[in-house]
Amino acid sequence: MSMTLKSVGDGSDVKASAVPLIEAAAKASDQRKLTKVQSRLVRLKLRINAALDCFLEAENNVERREWDFAETNLRTLFRNASLLSRLRKPSLRALQQAKRNAPR
């Protein structure tokens, strides 16, 4: 069961649909009506859990992307430092190459 955050919504629709369901469960005199309301509440709970899963997955992806970006920046800095340390006097060409390789 794959859901995106767009299909789940911001949560306001979940709250708005939960209140009438809970009230209907309290008023249900018939066992069939009670079962129907309970099944709706279960589906609502599944939507909430799916929204949380999507949020956590998105949060983990952002952290991974930021980590990859930081790792790339570190590699570039080390490469630039290595290029410059090989030269006694940094030439204009070496400085331009270091500038091109610098993280943006």
PDB file of N, CA and C in Angstrom:
ATOM      1  N   MET A   1       0.847  -1.177   0.000  1.00  0.00           N
ATOM      2  CA  MET A   1       0.000   0.000   0.000  1.00  0.00           C
ATOM      3  C   MET A   1       0.886   1.231   0.000  1.00  0.00           C
ATOM      4  N   SER A   2       0.981   1.880  -1.135  1.00  0.00           N
ATOM      5  CA  SER A   2       1.860   3.029  -1.266  1.00  0.00           C
ATOM      6  C   SER A   2       1.013   4.289  -1.378  1.00  0.00           C
ATOM      7  N   MET A   3       1.285   5.238  -0.507  1.00  0.00           N
ATOM      8  CA  MET A   3       0.570   6.511  -0.538  1.00  0.00           C
ATOM      9  C   MET A   3       1.587   7.633  -0.522  1.00  0.00           C
ATOM     10  N   THR A   4       1.251   8.715  -1.181  1.00  0.00           N
ATOM     11  CA  THR A   4       2.107   9.882  -1.101  1.00  0.00           C
ATOM     12  C   THR A   4       1.483  10.859  -0.128  1.00  0.00           C
ATOM     13  N   LEU A   5       2.268  11.852   0.262  1.00  0.00           N
ATOM     14  CA  LEU A   5       1.740  12.844   1.195  1.00  0.00           C
ATOM     15  C   LEU A   5       0.584  13.625   0.579  1.00  0.00           C
ATOM     16  N   LYS A   6       0.613  13.832  -0.742  1.00  0.00           N
ATOM     17  CA  LYS A   6      -0.478  14.546  -1.391  1.00  0.00           C
ATOM     18  C   LYS A   6      -1.794  13.790  -1.251  1.00  0.00           C
ATOM     19  N   SER A   7      -1.746  12.482  -1.445  1.00  0.00           N
ATOM     20  CA  SER A   7      -2.985  11.709  -1.394  1.00  0.00           C
ATOM     21  C   SER A   7      -3.515  11.577   0.027  1.00  0.00           C
ATOM     22  N   VAL A   8      -2.646  11.714   1.005  1.00  0.00           N
ATOM     23  CA  VAL A   8      -3.077  11.592   2.396  1.00  0.00           C
ATOM     24  C   VAL A   8      -3.617  12.917   2.902  1.00  0.00           C
ATOM     25  N   GLY A   9      -3.052  14.015   2.470  1.00  0.00           N
ATOM     26  CA  GLY A   9      -3.496  15.322   2.911  1.00  0.00           C
ATOM     27  C   GLY A   9      -2.688  15.819   4.087  1.00  0.00           C
ATOM     28  N   ASP A  10      -3.117  16.958   4.626  1.00  0.00           N
ATOM     29  CA  ASP A  10      -2.360  17.574   5.717  1.00  0.00           C
ATOM     30  C   ASP A  10      -2.827  17.128   7.091  1.00  0.00           C
ATOM     31  N   GLY A  11      -3.803  16.278   7.167  1.00  0.00           N
ATOM     32  CA  GLY A  11      -4.274  15.783   8.454  1.00  0.00           C
ATOM     33  C   GLY A  11      -5.588  16.405   8.885  1.00  0.00           C
ATOM     34  N   SER A  12      -5.939  17.567   8.341  1.00  0.00           N
ATOM     35  CA  SER A  12      -7.193  18.209   8.743  1.00  0.00           C
ATOM     36  C   SER A  12      -8.392  17.379   8.295  1.00  0.00           C
ATOM     37  N   ASP A  13      -8.278  16.761   7.113  1.00  0.00           N
ATOM     38  CA  ASP A  13      -9.383  15.922   6.643  1.00  0.00           C
ATOM     39  C   ASP A  13      -9.522  14.672   7.500  1.00  0.00           C
ATOM     40  N   VAL A  14      -8.395  14.185   8.029  1.00  0.00           N
ATOM     41  CA  VAL A  14      -8.432  13.009   8.900  1.00  0.00           C
ATOM     42  C   VAL A  14      -9.159  13.348  10.194  1.00  0.00           C
ATOM     43  N   LYS A  15      -8.834  14.487  10.785  1.00  0.00           N
ATOM     44  CA  LYS A  15      -9.485  14.895  12.037  1.00  0.00           C
ATOM     45  C   LYS A  15     -10.971  15.147  11.797  1.00  0.00           C
ATOM     46  N   ALA A  16     -11.282  15.799  10.687  1.00  0.00           N
ATOM     47  CA  ALA A  16     -12.678  16.115  10.382  1.00  0.00           C
ATOM     48  C   ALA A  16     -13.505  14.849  10.175  1.00  0.00           C
ATOM     49  N   SER A  17     -12.904  13.808   9.616  1.00  0.00           N
ATOM     50  CA  SER A  17     -13.675  12.588   9.389  1.00  0.00           C
ATOM     51  C   SER A  17     -13.670  11.667  10.597  1.00  0.00           C
ATOM     52  N   ALA A  18     -12.750  11.836  11.524  1.00  0.00           N
ATOM     53  CA  ALA A  18     -12.695  10.966  12.704  1.00  0.00           C
ATOM     54  C   ALA A  18     -13.785  11.320  13.709  1.00  0.00           C
ATOM     55  N   VAL A  19     -14.044  12.596  13.899  1.00  0.00           N
ATOM     56  CA  VAL A  19     -15.018  13.023  14.916  1.00  0.00           C
ATOM     57  C   VAL A  19     -16.413  12.465  14.632  1.00  0.00           C
ATOM     58  N   PRO A  20     -16.961  12.617  13.421  1.00  0.00           N
ATOM     59  CA  PRO A  20     -18.291  12.049  13.169  1.00  0.00           C
ATOM     60  C   PRO A  20     -18.323  10.524  13.305  1.00  0.00           C
ATOM     61  N   LEU A  21     -17.226   9.868  12.938  1.00  0.00           N
ATOM     62  CA  LEU A  21     -17.189   8.407  13.066  1.00  0.00           C
ATOM     63  C   LEU A  21     -17.245   7.979  14.525  1.00  0.00           C
ATOM     64  N   ILE A  22     -16.532   8.676  15.371  1.00  0.00           N
ATOM     65  CA  ILE A  22     -16.538   8.341  16.802  1.00  0.00           C
ATOM     66  C   ILE A  22     -17.921   8.603  17.395  1.00  0.00           C
ATOM     67  N   GLU A  23     -18.536   9.736  16.995  1.00  0.00           N
ATOM     68  CA  GLU A  23     -19.886  10.037  17.480  1.00  0.00           C
ATOM     69  C   GLU A  23     -20.885   8.982  16.993  1.00  0.00           C
ATOM     70  N   ALA A  24     -20.749   8.550  15.758  1.00  0.00           N
ATOM     71  CA  ALA A  24     -21.647   7.526  15.213  1.00  0.00           C
ATOM     72  C   ALA A  24     -21.472   6.208  15.955  1.00  0.00           C
ATOM     73  N   ALA A  25     -20.229   5.893  16.332  1.00  0.00           N
ATOM     74  CA  ALA A  25     -19.981   4.656  17.087  1.00  0.00           C
ATOM     75  C   ALA A  25     -20.661   4.721  18.448  1.00  0.00           C
ATOM     76  N   ALA A  26     -20.662   5.895  19.064  1.00  0.00           N
ATOM     77  CA  ALA A  26     -21.291   6.044  20.374  1.00  0.00           C
ATOM     78  C   ALA A  26     -22.812   5.901  20.272  1.00  0.00           C
ATOM     79  N   LYS A  27     -23.382   6.346  19.149  1.00  0.00           N
ATOM     80  CA  LYS A  27     -24.829   6.303  18.984  1.00  0.00           C
ATOM     81  C   LYS A  27     -25.332   4.991  18.375  1.00  0.00           C
ATOM     82  N   ALA A  28     -24.437   4.183  17.875  1.00  0.00           N
ATOM     83  CA  ALA A  28     -24.846   2.969  17.154  1.00  0.00           C
ATOM     84  C   ALA A  28     -25.535   1.997  18.097  1.00  0.00           C
ATOM     85  N   SER A  29     -26.796   1.735  17.782  1.00  0.00           N
ATOM     86  CA  SER A  29     -27.537   0.770  18.597  1.00  0.00           C
ATOM     87  C   SER A  29     -27.480  -0.609  17.955  1.00  0.00           C
ATOM     88  N   ASP A  30     -27.322  -0.625  16.698  1.00  0.00           N
ATOM     89  CA  ASP A  30     -27.322  -1.858  15.919  1.00  0.00           C
ATOM     90  C   ASP A  30     -25.884  -2.372  15.783  1.00  0.00           C
ATOM     91  N   GLN A  31     -25.677  -3.659  15.937  1.00  0.00           N
ATOM     92  CA  GLN A  31     -24.334  -4.253  15.847  1.00  0.00           C
ATOM     93  C   GLN A  31     -23.749  -4.074  14.441  1.00  0.00           C
ATOM     94  N   ARG A  32     -24.610  -4.137  13.422  1.00  0.00           N
ATOM     95  CA  ARG A  32     -24.128  -3.957  12.051  1.00  0.00           C
ATOM     96  C   ARG A  32     -23.578  -2.552  11.844  1.00  0.00           C
ATOM     97  N   LYS A  33     -24.297  -1.563  12.375  1.00  0.00           N
ATOM     98  CA  LYS A  33     -23.834  -0.178  12.259  1.00  0.00           C
ATOM     99  C   LYS A  33     -22.515   0.002  13.004  1.00  0.00           C
ATOM    100  N   LEU A  34     -22.415  -0.608  14.165  1.00  0.00           N
ATOM    101  CA  LEU A  34     -21.198  -0.499  14.965  1.00  0.00           C
ATOM    102  C   LEU A  34     -20.007  -1.108  14.217  1.00  0.00           C
ATOM    103  N   THR A  35     -20.210  -2.253  13.594  1.00  0.00           N
ATOM    104  CA  THR A  35     -19.147  -2.909  12.827  1.00  0.00           C
ATOM    105  C   THR A  35     -18.716  -2.037  11.649  1.00  0.00           C
ATOM    106  N   LYS A  36     -19.695  -1.413  10.983  1.00  0.00           N
ATOM    107  CA  LYS A  36     -19.396  -0.542   9.849  1.00  0.00           C
ATOM    108  C   LYS A  36     -18.557   0.655  10.299  1.00  0.00           C
ATOM    109  N   VAL A  37     -18.927   1.256  11.408  1.00  0.00           N
ATOM    110  CA  VAL A  37     -18.185   2.406  11.932  1.00  0.00           C
ATOM    111  C   VAL A  37     -16.782   1.982  12.359  1.00  0.00           C
ATOM    112  N   GLN A  38     -16.677   0.816  12.986  1.00  0.00           N
ATOM    113  CA  GLN A  38     -15.360   0.326  13.403  1.00  0.00           C
ATOM    114  C   GLN A  38     -14.452   0.100  12.196  1.00  0.00           C
ATOM    115  N   SER A  39     -14.995  -0.437  11.119  1.00  0.00           N
ATOM    116  CA  SER A  39     -14.166  -0.669   9.928  1.00  0.00           C
ATOM    117  C   SER A  39     -13.704   0.656   9.321  1.00  0.00           C
ATOM    118  N   ARG A  40     -14.564   1.680   9.376  1.00  0.00           N
ATOM    119  CA  ARG A  40     -14.153   3.005   8.891  1.00  0.00           C
ATOM    120  C   ARG A  40     -13.031   3.572   9.758  1.00  0.00           C
ATOM    121  N   LEU A  41     -13.132   3.370  11.059  1.00  0.00           N
ATOM    122  CA  LEU A  41     -12.074   3.846  11.953  1.00  0.00           C
ATOM    123  C   LEU A  41     -10.754   3.121  11.684  1.00  0.00           C
ATOM    124  N   VAL A  42     -10.829   1.843  11.381  1.00  0.00           N
ATOM    125  CA  VAL A  42      -9.612   1.085  11.055  1.00  0.00           C
ATOM    126  C   VAL A  42      -8.978   1.633   9.778  1.00  0.00           C
ATOM    127  N   ARG A  43      -9.801   1.908   8.753  1.00  0.00           N
ATOM    128  CA  ARG A  43      -9.259   2.475   7.510  1.00  0.00           C
ATOM    129  C   ARG A  43      -8.644   3.845   7.761  1.00  0.00           C
ATOM    130  N   LEU A  44      -9.280   4.621   8.622  1.00  0.00           N
ATOM    131  CA  LEU A  44      -8.751   5.938   8.973  1.00  0.00           C
ATOM    132  C   LEU A  44      -7.398   5.811   9.676  1.00  0.00           C
ATOM    133  N   LYS A  45      -7.295   4.838  10.566  1.00  0.00           N
ATOM    134  CA  LYS A  45      -6.029   4.596  11.263  1.00  0.00           C
ATOM    135  C   LYS A  45      -4.940   4.201  10.266  1.00  0.00           C
ATOM    136  N   LEU A  46      -5.293   3.389   9.266  1.00  0.00           N
ATOM    137  CA  LEU A  46      -4.325   3.000   8.239  1.00  0.00           C
ATOM    138  C   LEU A  46      -3.843   4.208   7.446  1.00  0.00           C
ATOM    139  N   ARG A  47      -4.756   5.148   7.138  1.00  0.00           N
ATOM    140  CA  ARG A  47      -4.363   6.369   6.424  1.00  0.00           C
ATOM    141  C   ARG A  47      -3.399   7.197   7.255  1.00  0.00           C
ATOM    142  N   ILE A  48      -3.666   7.283   8.558  1.00  0.00           N
ATOM    143  CA  ILE A  48      -2.780   8.051   9.444  1.00  0.00           C
ATOM    144  C   ILE A  48      -1.399   7.404   9.486  1.00  0.00           C
ATOM    145  N   ASN A  49      -1.358   6.087   9.626  1.00  0.00           N
ATOM    146  CA  ASN A  49      -0.071   5.377   9.657  1.00  0.00           C
ATOM    147  C   ASN A  49       0.679   5.533   8.338  1.00  0.00           C
ATOM    148  N   ALA A  50      -0.044   5.493   7.214  1.00  0.00           N
ATOM    149  CA  ALA A  50       0.602   5.669   5.910  1.00  0.00           C
ATOM    150  C   ALA A  50       1.192   7.071   5.785  1.00  0.00           C
ATOM    151  N   ALA A  51       0.471   8.072   6.300  1.00  0.00           N
ATOM    152  CA  ALA A  51       0.987   9.443   6.255  1.00  0.00           C
ATOM    153  C   ALA A  51       2.258   9.568   7.081  1.00  0.00           C
ATOM    154  N   LEU A  52       2.272   8.956   8.258  1.00  0.00           N
ATOM    155  CA  LEU A  52       3.471   8.997   9.098  1.00  0.00           C
ATOM    156  C   LEU A  52       4.639   8.290   8.427  1.00  0.00           C
ATOM    157  N   ASP A  53       4.377   7.148   7.796  1.00  0.00           N
ATOM    158  CA  ASP A  53       5.438   6.423   7.089  1.00  0.00           C
ATOM    159  C   ASP A  53       6.023   7.262   5.959  1.00  0.00           C
ATOM    160  N   CYS A  54       5.146   7.925   5.199  1.00  0.00           N
ATOM    161  CA  CYS A  54       5.614   8.781   4.104  1.00  0.00           C
ATOM    162  C   CYS A  54       6.471   9.921   4.635  1.00  0.00           C
ATOM    163  N   PHE A  55       6.031  10.518   5.735  1.00  0.00           N
ATOM    164  CA  PHE A  55       6.787  11.620   6.326  1.00  0.00           C
ATOM    165  C   PHE A  55       8.162  11.153   6.778  1.00  0.00           C
ATOM    166  N   LEU A  56       8.223  10.015   7.475  1.00  0.00           N
ATOM    167  CA  LEU A  56       9.509   9.504   7.960  1.00  0.00           C
ATOM    168  C   LEU A  56      10.426   9.132   6.801  1.00  0.00           C
ATOM    169  N   GLU A  57       9.865   8.550   5.754  1.00  0.00           N
ATOM    170  CA  GLU A  57      10.675   8.186   4.592  1.00  0.00           C
ATOM    171  C   GLU A  57      11.245   9.437   3.926  1.00  0.00           C
ATOM    172  N   ALA A  58      10.408  10.468   3.792  1.00  0.00           N
ATOM    173  CA  ALA A  58      10.876  11.723   3.198  1.00  0.00           C
ATOM    174  C   ALA A  58      11.966  12.351   4.058  1.00  0.00           C
ATOM    175  N   GLU A  59      11.775  12.304   5.370  1.00  0.00           N
ATOM    176  CA  GLU A  59      12.769  12.863   6.287  1.00  0.00           C
ATOM    177  C   GLU A  59      14.099  12.122   6.158  1.00  0.00           C
ATOM    178  N   ASN A  60      14.063  10.793   6.054  1.00  0.00           N
ATOM    179  CA  ASN A  60      15.291  10.007   5.894  1.00  0.00           C
ATOM    180  C   ASN A  60      15.973  10.311   4.569  1.00  0.00           C
ATOM    181  N   ASN A  61      15.197  10.493   3.506  1.00  0.00           N
ATOM    182  CA  ASN A  61      15.783  10.815   2.202  1.00  0.00           C
ATOM    183  C   ASN A  61      16.493  12.156   2.234  1.00  0.00           C
ATOM    184  N   VAL A  62      15.912  13.130   2.928  1.00  0.00           N
ATOM    185  CA  VAL A  62      16.542  14.448   3.039  1.00  0.00           C
ATOM    186  C   VAL A  62      17.866  14.320   3.770  1.00  0.00           C
ATOM    187  N   GLU A  63      17.897  13.557   4.859  1.00  0.00           N
ATOM    188  CA  GLU A  63      19.135  13.388   5.607  1.00  0.00           C
ATOM    189  C   GLU A  63      20.195  12.721   4.742  1.00  0.00           C
ATOM    190  N   ARG A  64      19.808  11.709   3.966  1.00  0.00           N
ATOM    191  CA  ARG A  64      20.769  11.029   3.102  1.00  0.00           C
ATOM    192  C   ARG A  64      21.315  11.975   2.047  1.00  0.00           C
ATOM    193  N   ARG A  65      20.436  12.785   1.441  1.00  0.00           N
ATOM    194  CA  ARG A  65      20.885  13.737   0.426  1.00  0.00           C
ATOM    195  C   ARG A  65      21.840  14.754   1.028  1.00  0.00           C
ATOM    196  N   GLU A  66      21.522  15.242   2.222  1.00  0.00           N
ATOM    197  CA  GLU A  66      22.410  16.207   2.873  1.00  0.00           C
ATOM    198  C   GLU A  66      23.753  15.567   3.200  1.00  0.00           C
ATOM    199  N   TRP A  67      23.732  14.310   3.624  1.00  0.00           N
ATOM    200  CA  TRP A  67      24.987  13.626   3.930  1.00  0.00           C
ATOM    201  C   TRP A  67      25.819  13.459   2.662  1.00  0.00           C
ATOM    202  N   ASP A  68      25.190  13.052   1.552  1.00  0.00           N
ATOM    203  CA  ASP A  68      25.911  12.902   0.283  1.00  0.00           C
ATOM    204  C   ASP A  68      26.509  14.230  -0.159  1.00  0.00           C
ATOM    205  N   PHE A  69      25.749  15.308   0.015  1.00  0.00           N
ATOM    206  CA  PHE A  69      26.231  16.635  -0.361  1.00  0.00           C
ATOM    207  C   PHE A  69      27.438  17.020   0.494  1.00  0.00           C
ATOM    208  N   ALA A  70      27.366  16.775   1.801  1.00  0.00           N
ATOM    209  CA  ALA A  70      28.478  17.101   2.696  1.00  0.00           C
ATOM    210  C   ALA A  70      29.707  16.268   2.349  1.00  0.00           C
ATOM    211  N   GLU A  71      29.506  14.990   2.042  1.00  0.00           N
ATOM    212  CA  GLU A  71      30.624  14.115   1.683  1.00  0.00           C
ATOM    213  C   GLU A  71      31.288  14.596   0.393  1.00  0.00           C
ATOM    214  N   THR A  72      30.490  15.006  -0.586  1.00  0.00           N
ATOM    215  CA  THR A  72      31.034  15.523  -1.842  1.00  0.00           C
ATOM    216  C   THR A  72      31.846  16.788  -1.595  1.00  0.00           C
ATOM    217  N   ASN A  73      31.330  17.674  -0.748  1.00  0.00           N
ATOM    218  CA  ASN A  73      32.063  18.906  -0.431  1.00  0.00           C
ATOM    219  C   ASN A  73      33.400  18.598   0.224  1.00  0.00           C
ATOM    220  N   LEU A  74      33.418  17.640   1.145  1.00  0.00           N
ATOM    221  CA  LEU A  74      34.673  17.278   1.811  1.00  0.00           C
ATOM    222  C   LEU A  74      35.681  16.712   0.816  1.00  0.00           C
ATOM    223  N   ARG A  75      35.223  15.843  -0.068  1.00  0.00           N
ATOM    224  CA  ARG A  75      36.133  15.272  -1.074  1.00  0.00           C
ATOM    225  C   ARG A  75      36.726  16.373  -1.957  1.00  0.00           C
ATOM    226  N   THR A  76      35.890  17.330  -2.352  1.00  0.00           N
ATOM    227  CA  THR A  76      36.365  18.427  -3.198  1.00  0.00           C
ATOM    228  C   THR A  76      37.382  19.279  -2.454  1.00  0.00           C
ATOM    229  N   LEU A  77      37.119  19.574  -1.194  1.00  0.00           N
ATOM    230  CA  LEU A  77      38.064  20.371  -0.406  1.00  0.00           C
ATOM    231  C   LEU A  77      39.402  19.660  -0.265  1.00  0.00           C
ATOM    232  N   PHE A  78      39.383  18.357   0.007  1.00  0.00           N
ATOM    233  CA  PHE A  78      40.635  17.607   0.119  1.00  0.00           C
ATOM    234  C   PHE A  78      41.390  17.587  -1.212  1.00  0.00           C
ATOM    235  N   ARG A  79      40.666  17.434  -2.313  1.00  0.00           N
ATOM    236  CA  ARG A  79      41.310  17.415  -3.631  1.00  0.00           C
ATOM    237  C   ARG A  79      41.959  18.768  -3.918  1.00  0.00           C
ATOM    238  N   ASN A  80      41.250  19.864  -3.607  1.00  0.00           N
ATOM    239  CA  ASN A  80      41.809  21.198  -3.827  1.00  0.00           C
ATOM    240  C   ASN A  80      43.034  21.431  -2.950  1.00  0.00           C
ATOM    241  N   ALA A  81      42.967  21.004  -1.695  1.00  0.00           N
ATOM    242  CA  ALA A  81      44.108  21.172  -0.794  1.00  0.00           C
ATOM    243  C   ALA A  81      45.301  20.379  -1.301  1.00  0.00           C
ATOM    244  N   SER A  82      45.043  19.192  -1.822  1.00  0.00           N
ATOM    245  CA  SER A  82      46.118  18.357  -2.357  1.00  0.00           C
ATOM    246  C   SER A  82      46.759  19.019  -3.576  1.00  0.00           C
ATOM    247  N   LEU A  83      45.947  19.571  -4.466  1.00  0.00           N
ATOM    248  CA  LEU A  83      46.479  20.251  -5.651  1.00  0.00           C
ATOM    249  C   LEU A  83      47.347  21.441  -5.259  1.00  0.00           C
ATOM    250  N   LEU A  84      46.880  22.232  -4.314  1.00  0.00           N
ATOM    251  CA  LEU A  84      47.615  23.431  -3.918  1.00  0.00           C
ATOM    252  C   LEU A  84      48.868  23.102  -3.124  1.00  0.00           C
ATOM    253  N   SER A  85      48.842  22.030  -2.344  1.00  0.00           N
ATOM    254  CA  SER A  85      50.007  21.695  -1.527  1.00  0.00           C
ATOM    255  C   SER A  85      51.158  21.159  -2.370  1.00  0.00           C
ATOM    256  N   ARG A  86      50.883  20.683  -3.582  1.00  0.00           N
ATOM    257  CA  ARG A  86      51.944  20.172  -4.456  1.00  0.00           C
ATOM    258  C   ARG A  86      52.776  21.301  -5.059  1.00  0.00           C
ATOM    259  N   LEU A  87      52.244  22.471  -5.044  1.00  0.00           N
ATOM    260  CA  LEU A  87      52.927  23.605  -5.663  1.00  0.00           C
ATOM    261  C   LEU A  87      53.619  24.445  -4.596  1.00  0.00           C
ATOM    262  N   ARG A  88      54.793  24.957  -4.945  1.00  0.00           N
ATOM    263  CA  ARG A  88      55.459  25.863  -4.002  1.00  0.00           C
ATOM    264  C   ARG A  88      54.724  27.194  -3.990  1.00  0.00           C
ATOM    265  N   LYS A  89      54.486  27.711  -5.167  1.00  0.00           N
ATOM    266  CA  LYS A  89      53.721  28.943  -5.316  1.00  0.00           C
ATOM    267  C   LYS A  89      52.501  28.599  -6.161  1.00  0.00           C
ATOM    268  N   PRO A  90      51.319  28.816  -5.624  1.00  0.00           N
ATOM    269  CA  PRO A  90      50.149  28.496  -6.444  1.00  0.00           C
ATOM    270  C   PRO A  90      50.118  29.370  -7.701  1.00  0.00           C
ATOM    271  N   SER A  91      50.075  28.736  -8.824  1.00  0.00           N
ATOM    272  CA  SER A  91      50.000  29.478 -10.079  1.00  0.00           C
ATOM    273  C   SER A  91      48.552  29.882 -10.333  1.00  0.00           C
ATOM    274  N   LEU A  92      48.385  30.752 -11.262  1.00  0.00           N
ATOM    275  CA  LEU A  92      47.043  31.208 -11.618  1.00  0.00           C
ATOM    276  C   LEU A  92      46.200  30.028 -12.117  1.00  0.00           C
ATOM    277  N   ARG A  93      46.813  29.139 -12.896  1.00  0.00           N
ATOM    278  CA  ARG A  93      46.100  27.974 -13.424  1.00  0.00           C
ATOM    279  C   ARG A  93      45.608  27.069 -12.288  1.00  0.00           C
ATOM    280  N   ALA A  94      46.454  26.821 -11.278  1.00  0.00           N
ATOM    281  CA  ALA A  94      46.064  25.966 -10.150  1.00  0.00           C
ATOM    282  C   ALA A  94      44.932  26.604  -9.349  1.00  0.00           C
ATOM    283  N   LEU A  95      45.008  27.923  -9.162  1.00  0.00           N
ATOM    284  CA  LEU A  95      43.939  28.616  -8.428  1.00  0.00           C
ATOM    285  C   LEU A  95      42.620  28.563  -9.198  1.00  0.00           C
ATOM    286  N   GLN A  96      42.696  28.721 -10.515  1.00  0.00           N
ATOM    287  CA  GLN A  96      41.475  28.645 -11.321  1.00  0.00           C
ATOM    288  C   GLN A  96      40.877  27.237 -11.282  1.00  0.00           C
ATOM    289  N   GLN A  97      41.741  26.228 -11.323  1.00  0.00           N
ATOM    290  CA  GLN A  97      41.255  24.848 -11.255  1.00  0.00           C
ATOM    291  C   GLN A  97      40.619  24.575  -9.894  1.00  0.00           C
ATOM    292  N   ALA A  98      41.231  25.080  -8.827  1.00  0.00           N
ATOM    293  CA  ALA A  98      40.666  24.901  -7.491  1.00  0.00           C
ATOM    294  C   ALA A  98      39.314  25.601  -7.389  1.00  0.00           C
ATOM    295  N   LYS A  99      39.213  26.772  -8.007  1.00  0.00           N
ATOM    296  CA  LYS A  99      37.946  27.512  -7.976  1.00  0.00           C
ATOM    297  C   LYS A  99      36.853  26.742  -8.728  1.00  0.00           C
ATOM    298  N   ARG A 100      37.214  26.133  -9.872  1.00  0.00           N
ATOM    299  CA  ARG A 100      36.240  25.341 -10.632  1.00  0.00           C
ATOM    300  C   ARG A 100      35.775  24.119  -9.860  1.00  0.00           C
ATOM    301  N   ASN A 101      36.664  23.516  -9.079  1.00  0.00           N
ATOM    302  CA  ASN A 101      36.330  22.300  -8.335  1.00  0.00           C
ATOM    303  C   ASN A 101      35.655  22.588  -7.000  1.00  0.00           C
ATOM    304  N   ALA A 102      35.596  23.848  -6.618  1.00  0.00           N
ATOM    305  CA  ALA A 102      35.031  24.199  -5.305  1.00  0.00           C
ATOM    306  C   ALA A 102      33.545  23.862  -5.262  1.00  0.00           C
ATOM    307  N   PRO A 103      33.055  23.457  -4.090  1.00  0.00           N
ATOM    308  CA  PRO A 103      31.613  23.170  -3.960  1.00  0.00           C
ATOM    309  C   PRO A 103      30.791  24.431  -4.144  1.00  0.00           C
ATOM    310  N   ARG A 104      29.621  24.241  -4.711  1.00  0.00           N
ATOM    311  CA  ARG A 104      28.760  25.412  -4.984  1.00  0.00           C
ATOM    312  C   ARG A 104      27.632  25.490  -4.040  1.00  0.00           C
TER     313      ARG A 104
END
